[in-house]
Amino acid sequence: MKLIYDLRILSPHMHGMTRYGLELLKAILELDQELGVGVLVVKPEHGELLPKDPRLVAIACGLSPYGPRAQFTLPKILNALRGDVYHCPFFGPPARFNGPMVVTIHDLIHLRFAGDYGLKQKYYYRFVVGPAARKARAVFTVSEHSKKDVVELLKVEPEKVLITPNGVDSRFKPLERKERQKALDELGWPEGYLLGVGNKKPHKNLLSLIKAHDILKRKMADQAPALVLVGVKQDDFPQVKTGGDLIFSSSLDDEKLRLAYGAAAAVVMPSLYEGFGLPALEAMASGTPVVASDQASLPEVVGQAGVLTGPEPEPLAQALMNLLEDPGEMKRLAALGPEQAARFTWRNSAETALKALKTIASHGSL
């Protein structure tokens, strides 16, 4: 099978969709030794970021992932390449392409929370993502919740929507006692901190977490832990009064993020919407208890290995206080987390994806 795999989002600065695309490709290659893959990238140097594998050929097409030119030019390139099937693992599929195509829809937050985004995003989903998903021979998505959204909001037949969840990187694992203390020293954060990872977008609901932390401070006094927020700046929350117990870290490299998960007392994910919820998975793999909202896909990811609660400040604060005051429960969740995380592997997702891609390549549809 000749697969055309679209990684125009590939760059030295990896984000969630890029990691999904790259890790899924690696796992697919491990499953099929006879596979040939042409990988679309923007610039020749981006091909250097791909796995070193003779079955891969980087194709520098010069088309940005979301630019309008790609909608007209990419179908011509794909027709010329004559692949058996084309897969776009991000939100940039060519809606005008009529060949065998598979697209991945990670989430539909731009439609669920349309008021938080501009008309440009609204029309992009209406005239590009939606038509491409309906035209595709299969749609991959990362959770049952996202599948429901794809079916409901994009009007895609449910039988052609397949679940290919994110996997968890093997570097996320519980820290040894000495490594934990070393991590605290390196990060410069106080022992027993709570960790939130996200961005300033309203659906991440970090303001609710900050308010929950204020409630904790009132109820627990000097026993309340510090709260560390990664991915945001203090300026993102001008209404918040900061002190030494509220720490902002706008970005962490991969190694420090691993340490941050492993050294935290608990990781809190208060999101109103997630297509998947990778921070919760990475935290569980790190052996750190997770407190997450009971919204969207998070119950699927966390399962019985964490605490699920309402996303408002009061229930968040109560769930955190209950956990922090119960060392036995914290120990129990720390043990369950890696077991739950181990259920999410790139190999499992690659098996689902490869079976669908081969079926479409052979028969034209699922």
Foldseek 3Di string as FASTA:
>chain_A
DEEEEEQQVQDPDDDDLNCLSQLLVVLLCVVDVPYAYEYEYQDPVSVVVHDPDPSYDYDHDNDHQADPVCLVVVLVVCVVVPGLEYEYSDQRDRLPHQAAYEYEDAAVCCVVPVVLDDPVVVVCCVPGVLSNCQNHLAYEYAFPLRLVCCCPVSVHDSVRYYHQHAAEDPLQAADDPVLLVVLCVVVVADAAEEEEEDELRVQQLVVQVVLLLVVLCVVVPPVRAAYEYEQYDPVSCVVDDDDNSYHYHNHDPPVSVSSVLNRYQEYEGLGQEGSACRVQLSSLNRLHAYEYEPHGHVCVQCPPLHHYFHSGSPGSNVRVVVVVVDVVSRNSSSVVSSVSSVVNHSNVSSVVVVVQSVCCSVPVHD
